[in-house]
Amino acid sequence: MLVFLSEGVMDAVLFILIIEALLAFVLLYRAGALDSRGRLLAGVLLISAAFVLRWFALPHETADYRDFLSRWVQWFRDNGGFRALKGSIGNYNIPYLYFLAAFSYIPVRDLYLIKLLSILFDVFLAYSVSRIVSFFRDSPSLRLLSFLLVLFWPTVLLNGAYWGQCDSIYVALALLGYSCALREKPVLSMVFIALSFSFKLQAVFFMPLYAVFLFHGRIRWKHLPVFPLTYVLTVFPAVLAGRPFSETILLYSDQLDSIGTGLNYNSPSVFSFLDFRSFSADPELLTRLGILAAFLFMGAVLLLCLIRRRSLDAKILILAGAVLVLGIPFLLPRMHERYFFGADMLTLAVCFLFPEAIPAALLTEFASFLGYYAYLKGQYLLLMRSGAVCLLLALALLLFLFSRRLFAAADGKDPEGEK
């Protein structure tokens, strides 16, 4: 198939981008965030500005696109589109490959289609954050502000529209799962977290909170089978195309080696503190220690929530989620710069619940941005250990807020004076 770059095609790309902007506007309107003339005007102007920025970012190519994504789409073109799903290509899970297969039929440059897909989920990501905020704060202004902040958050702009990555997909779905759990819609919550996991392995950073949802009663044992059922349904079209079912189920375990063998990849994790040029410790030993530390950290947070389960409220649940989604990748080895994207978003949501958490959101975003800068510019703005210090401070602040509220609730007190 030929890929055309005519003016008409670019008009089509612009048209799709405008439709996505209109979707953002519709979601805000239906959420009641545009119920005054001032908020309506702000919504129109700022959504337009957010999408103008994305329009100018669309032509940028990265090595990831040239070396991987474009070749994967070409592979589908050369091998029959959806029929090629029976084969193995790339290191993304199957649901994302459905989109790449679909793009192989469309006479538009796949760079734009890939980015437009991510931008679409930028909108759903903004909606998911605003849904969490609106559960706690019945304020149209805060719903609007949280939605718009996501669209303008630097790593959100860079991740999809500029870089062509798809982290907005799995994070949006995971946060929608959280929102449904808060609203006691357990089946939908399990569907969304399963969809998140079906797109990207990094959804595992969000999944430990489901143990807390379980013993808090927002999710029950009878709802757990929804997860594997949803996952199986997402891979079923590929099985029908001829891909072995066992291969689709074991895909993530087979792809773990593709993460890399280094201890750190432009990530502000704890491993950025190490100077590998002068450090002679066994990398495999450090890898095992990092994994153990992450599991112990996760286990400690979950155990504390289990012990204090009668004191848990919705705010503690979201704080626990933020602590886990930041702390687990901070301690794990082999993390890449984009693996804190979920922490970027959940800490942003938390600062609308706890204004004193604003520094944690800013520190987390700055740390992530340092990793993005290193990859996209090919040089460091600051050494990644500076980002690790930022994450350590952010994690300490979140842990303080989490423990303060948890123990205050256990003593029958409300640290915020709420009813």
Protein backbone atom coordinates (compact mmCIF):
# COMPACT_ATOMS: atom_id res chain seq x y z
CA MET A 1 0.00 0.00 0.00
CA LEU A 2 1.14 3.50 -0.71
CA VAL A 3 1.32 6.16 1.98
CA PHE A 4 0.35 9.57 0.72
CA LEU A 5 1.44 12.87 2.21
CA SER A 6 -0.78 15.10 0.13
CA GLU A 7 -2.43 18.25 1.36
CA GLY A 8 -5.71 16.35 1.44
CA VAL A 9 -4.27 13.77 3.80
CA MET A 10 -2.99 16.48 6.11
CA ASP A 11 -6.48 17.97 6.04
CA ALA A 12 -7.76 14.58 7.20
CA VAL A 13 -5.21 14.52 10.02
CA LEU A 14 -6.29 18.00 11.09
CA PHE A 15 -9.94 16.95 10.92
CA ILE A 16 -9.30 13.97 13.24
CA LEU A 17 -7.41 16.22 15.65
CA ILE A 18 -10.34 18.64 15.71
CA ILE A 19 -12.74 15.74 16.40
CA GLU A 20 -10.56 14.72 19.36
CA ALA A 21 -10.61 18.30 20.65
CA LEU A 22 -14.39 18.33 20.34
CA LEU A 23 -14.52 15.07 22.29
CA ALA A 24 -12.58 16.75 25.10
CA PHE A 25 -15.07 19.59 25.07
CA VAL A 26 -18.05 17.21 25.10
CA LEU A 27 -16.66 15.22 28.04
CA LEU A 28 -16.12 18.41 30.01
CA TYR A 29 -19.61 19.65 29.15
CA ARG A 30 -21.26 16.38 30.18
CA ALA A 31 -19.26 16.42 33.43
CA GLY A 32 -20.81 19.80 34.27
CA ALA A 33 -17.46 21.59 34.18
CA LEU A 34 -18.62 24.21 31.65
CA ASP A 35 -21.74 25.43 33.43
CA SER A 36 -20.79 29.10 33.47
CA ARG A 37 -19.78 31.55 30.78
CA GLY A 38 -16.32 31.97 32.26
CA ARG A 39 -15.59 28.25 32.45
CA LEU A 40 -17.05 27.72 28.99
CA LEU A 41 -14.75 30.36 27.51
CA ALA A 42 -11.74 29.00 29.42
CA GLY A 43 -12.53 25.49 28.26
CA VAL A 44 -12.81 26.45 24.59
CA LEU A 45 -9.64 28.56 24.59
CA LEU A 46 -7.44 26.19 26.58
CA ILE A 47 -8.57 23.01 24.86
CA SER A 48 -7.87 24.72 21.54
CA ALA A 49 -4.42 25.75 22.76
CA ALA A 50 -3.65 22.21 23.98
CA PHE A 51 -4.49 20.77 20.57
CA VAL A 52 -2.61 23.46 18.65
CA LEU A 53 0.48 22.40 20.59
CA ARG A 54 -0.17 18.80 19.61
CA TRP A 55 -0.61 19.77 15.94
CA PHE A 56 2.85 21.31 15.85
CA ALA A 57 4.32 18.24 17.59
CA LEU A 58 2.90 15.74 15.10
CA PRO A 59 5.70 15.82 12.45
CA HIS A 60 8.50 15.07 14.92
CA GLU A 61 10.13 11.65 14.52
CA THR A 62 12.12 9.81 17.15
CA ALA A 63 14.40 6.81 16.87
CA ASP A 64 11.68 4.70 18.51
CA TYR A 65 9.35 5.50 15.62
CA ARG A 66 11.96 4.96 12.89
CA ASP A 67 13.46 1.79 14.34
CA PHE A 68 10.36 0.11 15.72
CA LEU A 69 6.85 1.50 15.25
CA SER A 70 7.15 2.36 11.54
CA ARG A 71 8.71 -1.04 10.81
CA TRP A 72 5.95 -2.84 12.68
CA VAL A 73 3.25 -1.06 10.66
CA GLN A 74 5.15 -1.87 7.47
CA TRP A 75 5.31 -5.50 8.53
CA PHE A 76 1.52 -5.55 8.76
CA ARG A 77 1.29 -3.92 5.31
CA ASP A 78 3.58 -6.54 3.83
CA ASN A 79 1.86 -9.49 5.48
CA GLY A 80 -1.83 -8.92 4.96
CA GLY A 81 -2.86 -6.50 7.69
CA PHE A 82 -5.06 -8.24 10.25
CA ARG A 83 -4.10 -11.65 8.86
CA ALA A 84 -0.57 -10.94 10.08
CA LEU A 85 -1.77 -11.00 13.69
CA LYS A 86 -1.03 -14.71 13.65
CA GLY A 87 2.67 -13.84 13.63
CA SER A 88 4.87 -12.26 16.28
CA ILE A 89 6.13 -8.72 15.82
CA GLY A 90 7.34 -6.08 18.24
CA ASN A 91 7.29 -6.01 22.04
CA TYR A 92 3.85 -4.48 22.57
CA ASN A 93 0.90 -6.53 23.65
CA ILE A 94 -1.74 -7.63 21.18
CA PRO A 95 -4.46 -4.96 21.65
CA TYR A 96 -2.03 -2.23 20.56
CA LEU A 97 -1.06 -4.35 17.57
CA TYR A 98 -4.70 -4.30 16.46
CA PHE A 99 -4.35 -0.57 15.95
CA LEU A 100 -1.06 -0.94 14.08
CA ALA A 101 -2.67 -3.55 11.83
CA ALA A 102 -5.59 -1.21 11.17
CA PHE A 103 -3.20 1.64 10.34
CA SER A 104 -1.62 -0.52 7.63
CA TYR A 105 -4.83 -0.16 5.59
CA ILE A 106 -5.11 3.63 5.84
CA PRO A 107 -3.41 5.84 3.22
CA VAL A 108 -2.10 8.26 5.85
CA ARG A 109 1.41 8.32 7.19
CA ASP A 110 1.48 5.97 10.16
CA LEU A 111 3.45 8.50 12.24
CA TYR A 112 0.33 10.67 12.40
CA LEU A 113 -2.04 7.78 13.03
CA ILE A 114 0.08 6.49 15.91
CA LYS A 115 0.20 9.92 17.49
CA LEU A 116 -3.50 10.61 16.93
CA LEU A 117 -4.31 7.40 18.79
CA SER A 118 -2.20 8.52 21.75
CA ILE A 119 -3.77 11.99 21.66
CA LEU A 120 -7.22 10.41 21.77
CA PHE A 121 -6.22 8.69 24.98
CA ASP A 122 -4.74 11.94 26.29
CA VAL A 123 -8.36 13.08 26.31
CA PHE A 124 -9.51 9.97 28.16
CA LEU A 125 -6.57 10.37 30.54
CA ALA A 126 -7.66 13.92 31.37
CA TYR A 127 -11.20 12.64 31.85
CA SER A 128 -10.04 9.83 34.16
CA VAL A 129 -8.11 12.25 36.39
CA SER A 130 -11.07 14.65 36.51
CA ARG A 131 -13.36 11.72 37.41
CA ILE A 132 -11.19 10.89 40.42
CA VAL A 133 -11.06 14.55 41.46
CA SER A 134 -14.84 14.97 41.06
CA PHE A 135 -15.46 12.02 43.37
CA PHE A 136 -13.93 14.02 46.20
CA ARG A 137 -14.49 17.64 45.17
CA ASP A 138 -17.90 18.67 43.90
CA SER A 139 -16.52 21.69 42.10
CA PRO A 140 -16.93 22.40 38.37
CA SER A 141 -13.87 24.63 38.50
CA LEU A 142 -11.70 21.83 39.90
CA ARG A 143 -13.05 19.35 37.36
CA LEU A 144 -12.14 21.77 34.59
CA LEU A 145 -8.75 22.60 36.07
CA SER A 146 -7.75 18.97 36.58
CA PHE A 147 -8.81 18.07 33.03
CA LEU A 148 -6.88 20.96 31.48
CA LEU A 149 -3.78 20.43 33.60
CA VAL A 150 -3.48 16.88 32.31
CA LEU A 151 -3.65 18.09 28.69
CA PHE A 152 -0.88 20.63 29.38
CA TRP A 153 1.25 18.45 31.70
CA PRO A 154 4.70 18.35 30.03
CA THR A 155 5.15 14.58 30.04
CA VAL A 156 1.64 14.09 28.61
CA LEU A 157 2.36 16.48 25.75
CA LEU A 158 5.74 14.88 25.09
CA ASN A 159 4.73 11.25 25.48
CA GLY A 160 2.10 10.99 22.77
CA ALA A 161 2.05 13.98 20.42
CA TYR A 162 5.83 14.48 20.32
CA TRP A 163 7.36 11.07 21.04
CA GLY A 164 4.61 8.82 19.67
CA GLN A 165 4.44 6.63 22.76
CA CYS A 166 1.20 5.16 24.09
CA ASP A 167 1.47 5.35 27.88
CA SER A 168 -1.69 7.47 28.03
CA ILE A 169 -3.67 4.37 27.00
CA TYR A 170 -2.88 2.05 29.88
CA VAL A 171 -2.77 4.85 32.48
CA ALA A 172 -6.14 6.26 31.39
CA LEU A 173 -7.70 2.80 31.63
CA ALA A 174 -6.11 2.11 35.03
CA LEU A 175 -7.35 5.41 36.46
CA LEU A 176 -10.82 4.77 35.08
CA GLY A 177 -10.62 1.47 36.96
CA TYR A 178 -9.76 3.34 40.15
CA SER A 179 -12.64 5.76 39.56
CA CYS A 180 -15.10 2.91 39.12
CA ALA A 181 -13.86 1.20 42.28
CA LEU A 182 -14.35 4.42 44.26
CA ARG A 183 -17.90 4.63 42.91
CA GLU A 184 -18.50 0.96 43.85
CA LYS A 185 -18.78 -0.29 40.30
CA PRO A 186 -16.58 -3.36 40.75
CA VAL A 187 -17.26 -5.13 37.46
CA LEU A 188 -16.41 -2.05 35.38
CA SER A 189 -13.36 -1.46 37.56
CA MET A 190 -12.07 -4.96 36.87
CA VAL A 191 -12.75 -4.55 33.16
CA PHE A 192 -10.76 -1.31 33.00
CA ILE A 193 -7.75 -2.59 34.93
CA ALA A 194 -7.72 -5.73 32.78
CA LEU A 195 -7.83 -3.59 29.63
CA SER A 196 -4.99 -1.50 31.04
CA PHE A 197 -2.91 -4.62 31.65
CA SER A 198 -3.77 -5.95 28.20
CA PHE A 199 -2.14 -2.89 26.64
CA LYS A 200 0.98 -2.61 28.77
CA LEU A 201 2.80 -4.57 31.44
CA GLN A 202 3.44 -1.40 33.47
CA ALA A 203 -0.21 -1.57 34.55
CA VAL A 204 1.14 -3.86 37.30
CA PHE A 205 2.16 -0.70 39.18
CA PHE A 206 -1.56 0.10 39.56
CA MET A 207 -2.74 -3.40 40.36
CA PRO A 208 -1.55 -3.81 43.99
CA LEU A 209 -4.19 -1.30 45.11
CA TYR A 210 -6.80 -3.85 44.05
CA ALA A 211 -5.72 -5.95 47.03
CA VAL A 212 -6.72 -2.98 49.21
CA PHE A 213 -9.99 -2.60 47.30
CA LEU A 214 -10.58 -6.30 47.97
CA PHE A 215 -10.25 -6.32 51.73
CA HIS A 216 -11.91 -2.91 51.95
CA GLY A 217 -14.96 -4.40 50.22
CA ARG A 218 -15.06 -2.26 47.08
CA ILE A 219 -14.03 -5.34 45.10
CA ARG A 220 -15.19 -8.82 46.10
CA TRP A 221 -13.78 -12.24 45.30
CA LYS A 222 -16.63 -12.96 42.90
CA HIS A 223 -15.51 -10.01 40.74
CA LEU A 224 -11.94 -11.26 40.25
CA PRO A 225 -12.74 -13.62 37.32
CA VAL A 226 -13.73 -10.55 35.30
CA PHE A 227 -10.03 -9.74 34.96
CA PRO A 228 -8.87 -12.92 33.16
CA LEU A 229 -12.09 -13.07 31.15
CA THR A 230 -11.55 -9.52 29.87
CA TYR A 231 -7.91 -10.22 29.11
CA VAL A 232 -8.78 -13.36 27.14
CA LEU A 233 -11.38 -11.44 25.14
CA THR A 234 -8.78 -8.82 24.18
CA VAL A 235 -6.46 -11.42 22.66
CA PHE A 236 -9.20 -13.59 21.12
CA PRO A 237 -9.17 -11.84 17.71
CA ALA A 238 -5.47 -12.65 17.37
CA VAL A 239 -6.18 -16.27 18.29
CA LEU A 240 -8.85 -16.37 15.58
CA ALA A 241 -6.23 -15.04 13.15
CA GLY A 242 -4.06 -18.04 13.96
CA ARG A 243 -1.83 -16.98 16.85
CA PRO A 244 -1.41 -19.75 19.44
CA PHE A 245 -3.50 -19.07 22.53
CA SER A 246 -0.69 -20.09 24.87
CA GLU A 247 1.59 -17.53 23.22
CA THR A 248 -0.91 -14.71 23.77
CA ILE A 249 -1.27 -15.60 27.45
CA LEU A 250 2.48 -15.89 28.08
CA LEU A 251 3.40 -12.87 25.98
CA TYR A 252 4.57 -10.68 28.86
CA SER A 253 6.77 -13.37 30.36
CA ASP A 254 8.37 -13.87 26.95
CA GLN A 255 8.91 -10.12 26.55
CA LEU A 256 10.65 -9.45 29.86
CA ASP A 257 14.04 -9.82 28.22
CA SER A 258 13.19 -6.97 25.84
CA ILE A 259 13.22 -4.51 28.76
CA GLY A 260 17.02 -4.63 28.70
CA THR A 261 19.78 -5.91 30.94
CA GLY A 262 20.97 -2.56 32.30
CA LEU A 263 19.99 -1.45 35.78
CA ASN A 264 18.66 1.92 34.64
CA TYR A 265 17.54 3.57 31.39
CA ASN A 266 17.28 7.35 31.82
CA SER A 267 15.04 6.67 34.79
CA PRO A 268 15.02 8.61 38.09
CA SER A 269 14.93 5.33 40.00
CA VAL A 270 17.07 4.50 43.00
CA PHE A 271 19.61 2.94 40.63
CA SER A 272 20.44 6.36 39.19
CA PHE A 273 22.38 7.01 42.41
CA LEU A 274 24.97 4.44 41.31
CA ASP A 275 28.01 5.47 39.29
CA PHE A 276 28.31 2.41 37.06
CA ARG A 277 31.73 3.45 35.77
CA SER A 278 33.24 2.95 39.21
CA PHE A 279 30.74 0.51 40.67
CA SER A 280 31.81 -3.12 40.61
CA ALA A 281 28.92 -4.91 42.32
CA ASP A 282 27.26 -7.83 40.58
CA PRO A 283 24.40 -6.42 38.39
CA GLU A 284 22.37 -9.60 38.85
CA LEU A 285 22.65 -9.29 42.61
CA LEU A 286 21.54 -5.65 42.46
CA THR A 287 18.65 -6.64 40.21
CA ARG A 288 17.45 -9.23 42.72
CA LEU A 289 17.88 -6.78 45.60
CA GLY A 290 15.88 -4.12 43.76
CA ILE A 291 13.04 -6.53 43.01
CA LEU A 292 13.07 -7.71 46.64
CA ALA A 293 13.00 -4.12 47.90
CA ALA A 294 10.03 -3.30 45.65
CA PHE A 295 8.12 -6.36 46.87
CA LEU A 296 8.90 -5.59 50.51
CA PHE A 297 7.78 -1.99 50.03
CA MET A 298 4.56 -3.08 48.36
CA GLY A 299 3.97 -5.72 51.02
CA ALA A 300 4.50 -3.20 53.84
CA VAL A 301 1.97 -0.75 52.38
CA LEU A 302 -0.59 -3.50 51.76
CA LEU A 303 -0.06 -5.02 55.21
CA LEU A 304 -0.54 -1.65 56.86
CA CYS A 305 -3.76 -1.15 54.92
CA LEU A 306 -4.91 -4.65 55.89
CA ILE A 307 -4.24 -4.08 59.58
CA ARG A 308 -5.99 -0.69 59.48
CA ARG A 309 -8.69 -1.76 57.03
CA ARG A 310 -11.50 -0.54 59.28
CA SER A 311 -9.97 2.94 59.15
CA LEU A 312 -9.66 3.14 55.38
CA ASP A 313 -11.58 5.79 53.51
CA ALA A 314 -11.56 6.77 49.85
CA LYS A 315 -8.84 9.38 50.27
CA ILE A 316 -6.56 6.88 51.99
CA LEU A 317 -7.15 4.47 49.11
CA ILE A 318 -6.02 7.01 46.52
CA LEU A 319 -3.05 8.03 48.64
CA ALA A 320 -2.08 4.35 48.92
CA GLY A 321 -2.34 4.06 45.14
CA ALA A 322 -0.07 7.07 44.64
CA VAL A 323 2.47 5.71 47.12
CA LEU A 324 2.53 2.33 45.35
CA VAL A 325 2.62 3.60 41.76
CA LEU A 326 5.54 5.87 42.65
CA GLY A 327 7.43 3.69 45.11
CA ILE A 328 7.41 0.39 43.22
CA PRO A 329 9.12 1.59 40.00
CA PHE A 330 11.43 3.79 42.08
CA LEU A 331 12.90 0.67 43.68
CA LEU A 332 12.80 -1.67 40.67
CA PRO A 333 15.78 -2.17 38.33
CA ARG A 334 15.67 -1.82 34.54
CA MET A 335 13.18 1.03 34.60
CA HIS A 336 12.87 3.34 31.59
CA GLU A 337 12.13 7.06 31.65
CA ARG A 338 8.45 6.57 30.80
CA TYR A 339 7.67 4.11 33.59
CA PHE A 340 6.74 6.93 35.98
CA PHE A 341 3.98 8.20 33.70
CA GLY A 342 1.33 6.68 35.97
CA ALA A 343 2.91 8.34 39.00
CA ASP A 344 2.88 11.67 37.14
CA MET A 345 -0.88 11.40 36.73
CA LEU A 346 -1.91 9.96 40.08
CA THR A 347 0.18 12.45 42.09
CA LEU A 348 -1.46 15.21 40.06
CA ALA A 349 -4.89 13.87 41.04
CA VAL A 350 -3.85 13.60 44.69
CA CYS A 351 -2.84 17.26 44.91
CA PHE A 352 -6.49 18.20 44.30
CA LEU A 353 -7.42 16.18 47.38
CA PHE A 354 -4.51 17.35 49.52
CA PRO A 355 -3.09 20.78 48.60
CA GLU A 356 -0.01 19.96 50.68
CA ALA A 357 0.73 17.22 48.12
CA ILE A 358 1.31 19.78 45.33
CA PRO A 359 5.12 19.63 45.84
CA ALA A 360 4.95 15.84 45.36
CA ALA A 361 3.17 16.27 42.02
CA LEU A 362 5.67 18.88 40.84
CA LEU A 363 8.70 16.89 42.01
CA THR A 364 7.43 13.72 40.33
CA GLU A 365 6.76 15.53 37.07
CA PHE A 366 10.17 17.21 37.10
CA ALA A 367 11.90 13.88 37.73
CA SER A 368 10.05 12.28 34.81
CA PHE A 369 10.79 15.26 32.60
CA LEU A 370 14.52 14.81 33.19
CA GLY A 371 14.29 11.31 31.74
CA TYR A 372 12.29 12.51 28.75
CA TYR A 373 14.79 15.28 28.13
CA ALA A 374 17.68 12.82 28.22
CA TYR A 375 16.10 10.59 25.59
CA LEU A 376 14.60 13.23 23.32
CA LYS A 377 17.61 15.58 23.35
CA GLY A 378 20.36 12.97 23.64
CA GLN A 379 21.90 14.73 26.61
CA TYR A 380 21.20 15.32 30.27
CA LEU A 381 19.62 18.50 31.54
CA LEU A 382 20.63 17.32 35.02
CA LEU A 383 22.04 13.99 36.12
CA MET A 384 19.29 11.46 36.70
CA ARG A 385 20.22 11.17 40.35
CA SER A 386 18.76 14.68 40.70
CA GLY A 387 15.47 13.22 39.54
CA ALA A 388 15.85 10.38 42.00
CA VAL A 389 16.25 12.88 44.83
CA CYS A 390 13.04 14.57 43.65
CA LEU A 391 11.18 11.25 43.66
CA LEU A 392 12.54 10.37 47.07
CA LEU A 393 11.24 13.66 48.46
CA ALA A 394 7.89 13.17 46.71
CA LEU A 395 7.58 9.63 48.07
CA ALA A 396 8.46 10.78 51.58
CA LEU A 397 5.76 13.46 51.44
CA LEU A 398 3.14 11.02 50.13
CA LEU A 399 4.06 8.48 52.80
CA PHE A 400 3.71 11.16 55.46
CA LEU A 401 0.24 12.17 54.21
CA PHE A 402 -0.79 8.54 53.89
CA SER A 403 0.32 7.52 57.38
CA ARG A 404 -1.01 10.71 58.99
CA ARG A 405 -4.48 10.21 57.59
CA LEU A 406 -4.48 6.47 58.21
CA PHE A 407 -3.53 6.71 61.87
CA ALA A 408 -5.73 9.75 62.47
CA ALA A 409 -8.67 7.80 61.06
CA ALA A 410 -7.78 4.84 63.29
CA ASP A 411 -7.94 7.16 66.32
CA GLY A 412 -11.32 8.47 65.23
CA LYS A 413 -9.91 11.84 64.18
CA ASP A 414 -10.14 13.69 60.87
CA PRO A 415 -6.91 15.59 60.11
CA GLU A 416 -8.78 17.90 57.75
CA GLY A 417 -11.73 18.60 59.96
CA GLU A 418 -14.16 17.12 57.47
CA LYS A 419 -17.52 15.72 58.38
